[in-house]
Amino acid sequence: MQNIAAEKQKTVAPASKRGPKLVFNAELEKPENSALREYERIRRMKQPQLERDRNKEMAKNEGEAQEKFDAWSEPAMAARERFVNEEISESAFLSKIKK
């Protein structure tokens, strides 16, 4: 059993040889990054919603979809930075991104 795990570790490229998205996704999978994983989940949910809303827009409400997304995105990105810099707790971060 240990040999299989050792072989798997040998086949995984070091971080310097993997792309940034693979490194980012690997970091999200770590248990201590559950709050950041939740941020990414919400962001990935809101992005297609923004596109759908943009497609529904007419001249009278043009730009509302982007404004709605930005109203969530800008404070969420600021909260993410504060969380990464350990300025706010995980629970405070989660409450800010789930609004």
N, C-alpha and C. Protein backbone atom coordinates (compact mmCIF):
# COMPACT_ATOMS: atom_id res chain seq x y z
N MET A 1 0.82 -1.19 0.00
CA MET A 1 0.00 0.00 0.00
C MET A 1 0.87 1.26 0.00
N GLN A 2 1.93 1.25 0.78
CA GLN A 2 2.81 2.40 0.84
C GLN A 2 3.53 2.61 -0.48
N ASN A 3 3.83 1.53 -1.18
CA ASN A 3 4.52 1.65 -2.46
C ASN A 3 3.66 2.39 -3.48
N ILE A 4 2.35 2.13 -3.46
CA ILE A 4 1.44 2.80 -4.39
C ILE A 4 1.43 4.31 -4.11
N ALA A 5 1.35 4.68 -2.84
CA ALA A 5 1.35 6.10 -2.48
C ALA A 5 2.67 6.75 -2.87
N ALA A 6 3.76 6.04 -2.66
CA ALA A 6 5.07 6.57 -3.03
C ALA A 6 5.18 6.76 -4.54
N GLU A 7 4.65 5.81 -5.30
CA GLU A 7 4.67 5.93 -6.76
C GLU A 7 3.84 7.11 -7.23
N LYS A 8 2.68 7.32 -6.59
CA LYS A 8 1.83 8.46 -6.96
C LYS A 8 2.55 9.77 -6.72
N GLN A 9 3.25 9.87 -5.60
CA GLN A 9 3.97 11.09 -5.30
C GLN A 9 5.06 11.36 -6.32
N LYS A 10 5.68 10.32 -6.82
CA LYS A 10 6.74 10.49 -7.81
C LYS A 10 6.18 11.01 -9.14
N THR A 11 4.93 10.63 -9.46
CA THR A 11 4.37 11.02 -10.75
C THR A 11 3.77 12.42 -10.74
N VAL A 12 3.55 13.00 -9.57
CA VAL A 12 2.99 14.35 -9.48
C VAL A 12 4.11 15.35 -9.70
N ALA A 13 3.88 16.25 -10.64
CA ALA A 13 4.89 17.26 -10.95
C ALA A 13 5.02 18.24 -9.80
N PRO A 14 6.21 18.75 -9.56
CA PRO A 14 6.37 19.76 -8.51
C PRO A 14 5.60 21.02 -8.89
N ALA A 15 5.30 21.82 -7.88
CA ALA A 15 4.50 23.03 -8.10
C ALA A 15 5.12 23.94 -9.15
N SER A 16 6.43 23.97 -9.23
CA SER A 16 7.08 24.85 -10.20
C SER A 16 6.84 24.41 -11.64
N LYS A 17 6.46 23.14 -11.84
CA LYS A 17 6.23 22.64 -13.20
C LYS A 17 4.75 22.49 -13.53
N ARG A 18 3.88 22.78 -12.56
CA ARG A 18 2.45 22.73 -12.80
C ARG A 18 1.96 24.14 -13.11
N GLY A 19 0.84 24.21 -13.80
CA GLY A 19 0.27 25.51 -14.11
C GLY A 19 -0.33 26.17 -12.89
N PRO A 20 -0.52 27.49 -12.93
CA PRO A 20 -1.05 28.20 -11.77
C PRO A 20 -2.45 27.76 -11.38
N LYS A 21 -3.27 27.38 -12.36
CA LYS A 21 -4.63 26.95 -12.03
C LYS A 21 -4.60 25.62 -11.27
N LEU A 22 -3.72 24.70 -11.67
CA LEU A 22 -3.59 23.43 -10.96
C LEU A 22 -3.09 23.64 -9.54
N VAL A 23 -2.14 24.53 -9.38
CA VAL A 23 -1.63 24.84 -8.04
C VAL A 23 -2.73 25.46 -7.20
N PHE A 24 -3.48 26.40 -7.78
CA PHE A 24 -4.58 27.06 -7.08
C PHE A 24 -5.63 26.04 -6.64
N ASN A 25 -6.04 25.16 -7.56
CA ASN A 25 -7.04 24.15 -7.23
C ASN A 25 -6.53 23.18 -6.17
N ALA A 26 -5.25 22.84 -6.22
CA ALA A 26 -4.68 21.95 -5.21
C ALA A 26 -4.71 22.63 -3.84
N GLU A 27 -4.44 23.92 -3.81
CA GLU A 27 -4.49 24.65 -2.54
C GLU A 27 -5.92 24.68 -1.99
N LEU A 28 -6.90 24.82 -2.87
CA LEU A 28 -8.30 24.85 -2.42
C LEU A 28 -8.73 23.53 -1.80
N GLU A 29 -8.13 22.44 -2.22
CA GLU A 29 -8.51 21.12 -1.72
C GLU A 29 -8.01 20.85 -0.31
N LYS A 30 -7.10 21.65 0.18
CA LYS A 30 -6.59 21.46 1.53
C LYS A 30 -7.70 21.77 2.53
N PRO A 31 -7.82 20.97 3.59
CA PRO A 31 -8.89 21.18 4.58
C PRO A 31 -8.88 22.57 5.21
N GLU A 32 -7.71 23.14 5.41
CA GLU A 32 -7.64 24.45 6.06
C GLU A 32 -8.13 25.57 5.15
N ASN A 33 -8.38 25.29 3.89
CA ASN A 33 -8.85 26.30 2.94
C ASN A 33 -10.33 26.16 2.60
N SER A 34 -11.10 25.63 3.52
CA SER A 34 -12.53 25.41 3.23
C SER A 34 -13.26 26.73 2.98
N ALA A 35 -12.88 27.80 3.66
CA ALA A 35 -13.55 29.09 3.45
C ALA A 35 -13.25 29.62 2.05
N LEU A 36 -12.02 29.47 1.60
CA LEU A 36 -11.67 29.92 0.24
C LEU A 36 -12.36 29.05 -0.81
N ARG A 37 -12.53 27.78 -0.50
CA ARG A 37 -13.24 26.88 -1.41
C ARG A 37 -14.70 27.32 -1.53
N GLU A 38 -15.29 27.74 -0.42
CA GLU A 38 -16.67 28.23 -0.43
C GLU A 38 -16.77 29.53 -1.24
N TYR A 39 -15.78 30.40 -1.11
CA TYR A 39 -15.74 31.64 -1.91
C TYR A 39 -15.73 31.30 -3.40
N GLU A 40 -14.87 30.38 -3.79
CA GLU A 40 -14.79 29.98 -5.20
C GLU A 40 -16.10 29.36 -5.68
N ARG A 41 -16.73 28.56 -4.83
CA ARG A 41 -18.00 27.93 -5.20
C ARG A 41 -19.05 29.00 -5.47
N ILE A 42 -19.15 29.97 -4.59
CA ILE A 42 -20.13 31.04 -4.76
C ILE A 42 -19.81 31.87 -5.99
N ARG A 43 -18.52 32.21 -6.18
CA ARG A 43 -18.12 33.01 -7.35
C ARG A 43 -18.44 32.28 -8.64
N ARG A 44 -18.17 30.98 -8.66
CA ARG A 44 -18.46 30.19 -9.87
C ARG A 44 -19.95 30.06 -10.12
N MET A 45 -20.75 30.16 -9.08
CA MET A 45 -22.20 30.12 -9.23
C MET A 45 -22.71 31.47 -9.76
N LYS A 46 -22.13 32.55 -9.27
CA LYS A 46 -22.60 33.88 -9.64
C LYS A 46 -22.16 34.30 -11.05
N GLN A 47 -21.04 33.80 -11.52
CA GLN A 47 -20.55 34.19 -12.85
C GLN A 47 -21.52 33.79 -13.97
N PRO A 48 -21.98 32.54 -14.03
CA PRO A 48 -22.97 32.20 -15.07
C PRO A 48 -24.30 32.94 -14.88
N GLN A 49 -24.64 33.19 -13.61
CA GLN A 49 -25.86 33.95 -13.34
C GLN A 49 -25.73 35.35 -13.94
N LEU A 50 -24.57 35.96 -13.82
CA LEU A 50 -24.31 37.27 -14.43
C LEU A 50 -24.50 37.20 -15.94
N GLU A 51 -23.95 36.18 -16.56
CA GLU A 51 -24.09 36.04 -18.02
C GLU A 51 -25.55 35.86 -18.43
N ARG A 52 -26.30 35.04 -17.69
CA ARG A 52 -27.72 34.86 -18.00
C ARG A 52 -28.48 36.18 -17.86
N ASP A 53 -28.19 36.90 -16.79
CA ASP A 53 -28.87 38.18 -16.56
C ASP A 53 -28.50 39.20 -17.64
N ARG A 54 -27.25 39.20 -18.07
CA ARG A 54 -26.85 40.11 -19.15
C ARG A 54 -27.62 39.81 -20.43
N ASN A 55 -27.82 38.54 -20.71
CA ASN A 55 -28.55 38.16 -21.92
C ASN A 55 -30.01 38.57 -21.86
N LYS A 56 -30.57 38.70 -20.67
CA LYS A 56 -31.97 39.08 -20.50
C LYS A 56 -32.16 40.60 -20.52
N GLU A 57 -31.09 41.34 -20.36
CA GLU A 57 -31.20 42.80 -20.26
C GLU A 57 -31.74 43.44 -21.53
N MET A 58 -32.46 44.52 -21.32
CA MET A 58 -32.95 45.33 -22.42
C MET A 58 -32.38 46.73 -22.22
N ALA A 59 -32.70 47.63 -23.11
CA ALA A 59 -32.15 48.99 -23.05
C ALA A 59 -32.49 49.68 -21.73
N LYS A 60 -33.69 49.45 -21.21
CA LYS A 60 -34.11 50.15 -19.99
C LYS A 60 -33.36 49.69 -18.74
N ASN A 61 -32.87 48.47 -18.73
CA ASN A 61 -32.16 47.99 -17.54
C ASN A 61 -30.73 47.54 -17.86
N GLU A 62 -30.16 48.11 -18.90
CA GLU A 62 -28.81 47.74 -19.30
C GLU A 62 -27.80 48.09 -18.20
N GLY A 63 -26.95 47.16 -17.88
CA GLY A 63 -25.92 47.36 -16.86
C GLY A 63 -26.32 46.92 -15.47
N GLU A 64 -27.59 46.62 -15.26
CA GLU A 64 -28.03 46.21 -13.93
C GLU A 64 -27.41 44.89 -13.49
N ALA A 65 -27.25 43.97 -14.42
CA ALA A 65 -26.67 42.66 -14.07
C ALA A 65 -25.24 42.82 -13.57
N GLN A 66 -24.46 43.64 -14.26
CA GLN A 66 -23.07 43.87 -13.84
C GLN A 66 -23.04 44.59 -12.49
N GLU A 67 -23.92 45.56 -12.31
CA GLU A 67 -23.99 46.28 -11.03
C GLU A 67 -24.32 45.33 -9.89
N LYS A 68 -25.25 44.42 -10.14
CA LYS A 68 -25.64 43.45 -9.12
C LYS A 68 -24.46 42.53 -8.78
N PHE A 69 -23.76 42.06 -9.80
CA PHE A 69 -22.60 41.20 -9.58
C PHE A 69 -21.50 41.96 -8.84
N ASP A 70 -21.24 43.20 -9.27
CA ASP A 70 -20.20 44.00 -8.63
C ASP A 70 -20.53 44.30 -7.17
N ALA A 71 -21.83 44.46 -6.88
CA ALA A 71 -22.25 44.72 -5.50
C ALA A 71 -21.86 43.56 -4.59
N TRP A 72 -21.82 42.35 -5.12
CA TRP A 72 -21.34 41.20 -4.35
C TRP A 72 -19.83 41.06 -4.48
N SER A 73 -19.33 41.15 -5.70
CA SER A 73 -17.95 40.81 -6.00
C SER A 73 -16.93 41.71 -5.31
N GLU A 74 -17.12 43.01 -5.38
CA GLU A 74 -16.11 43.93 -4.83
C GLU A 74 -15.94 43.76 -3.32
N PRO A 75 -17.02 43.74 -2.52
CA PRO A 75 -16.83 43.50 -1.09
C PRO A 75 -16.32 42.08 -0.80
N ALA A 76 -16.73 41.11 -1.62
CA ALA A 76 -16.27 39.74 -1.40
C ALA A 76 -14.77 39.62 -1.66
N MET A 77 -14.28 40.28 -2.71
CA MET A 77 -12.84 40.24 -2.99
C MET A 77 -12.05 40.93 -1.88
N ALA A 78 -12.59 42.04 -1.37
CA ALA A 78 -11.92 42.74 -0.27
C ALA A 78 -11.90 41.86 0.98
N ALA A 79 -13.02 41.18 1.25
CA ALA A 79 -13.08 40.28 2.40
C ALA A 79 -12.11 39.12 2.23
N ARG A 80 -11.99 38.63 1.01
CA ARG A 80 -11.06 37.53 0.74
C ARG A 80 -9.63 37.96 1.04
N GLU A 81 -9.26 39.15 0.59
CA GLU A 81 -7.91 39.66 0.86
C GLU A 81 -7.67 39.80 2.35
N ARG A 82 -8.65 40.33 3.07
CA ARG A 82 -8.51 40.48 4.52
C ARG A 82 -8.40 39.13 5.20
N PHE A 83 -9.15 38.13 4.71
CA PHE A 83 -9.07 36.79 5.29
C PHE A 83 -7.71 36.16 5.02
N VAL A 84 -7.23 36.28 3.80
CA VAL A 84 -5.93 35.71 3.45
C VAL A 84 -4.82 36.37 4.28
N ASN A 85 -4.96 37.67 4.55
CA ASN A 85 -3.98 38.39 5.37
C ASN A 85 -4.22 38.20 6.87
N GLU A 86 -5.18 37.34 7.21
CA GLU A 86 -5.53 37.01 8.60
C GLU A 86 -5.99 38.22 9.40
N GLU A 87 -6.69 39.14 8.74
CA GLU A 87 -7.24 40.31 9.41
C GLU A 87 -8.64 40.06 9.93
N ILE A 88 -9.35 39.08 9.32
CA ILE A 88 -10.69 38.72 9.79
C ILE A 88 -10.76 37.21 9.96
N SER A 89 -11.72 36.77 10.76
CA SER A 89 -11.87 35.34 11.03
C SER A 89 -12.59 34.64 9.88
N GLU A 90 -12.54 33.32 9.91
CA GLU A 90 -13.21 32.53 8.88
C GLU A 90 -14.71 32.77 8.90
N SER A 91 -15.30 32.84 10.10
CA SER A 91 -16.75 33.04 10.18
C SER A 91 -17.15 34.43 9.67
N ALA A 92 -16.34 35.44 9.96
CA ALA A 92 -16.63 36.79 9.45
C ALA A 92 -16.51 36.81 7.93
N PHE A 93 -15.51 36.14 7.40
CA PHE A 93 -15.32 36.06 5.96
C PHE A 93 -16.51 35.39 5.30
N LEU A 94 -16.92 34.25 5.84
CA LEU A 94 -18.05 33.52 5.25
C LEU A 94 -19.33 34.34 5.31
N SER A 95 -19.54 35.06 6.39
CA SER A 95 -20.77 35.87 6.48
C SER A 95 -20.76 37.00 5.45
N LYS A 96 -19.58 37.54 5.14
CA LYS A 96 -19.50 38.62 4.15
C LYS A 96 -19.71 38.12 2.72
N ILE A 97 -19.25 36.91 2.41
CA ILE A 97 -19.37 36.44 1.02
C ILE A 97 -20.72 35.80 0.74
N LYS A 98 -21.46 35.45 1.78
CA LYS A 98 -22.76 34.80 1.57
C LYS A 98 -23.90 35.78 1.50
N LYS A 99 -23.61 37.06 1.48
CA LYS A 99 -24.67 38.09 1.40
C LYS A 99 -25.22 38.17 0.01
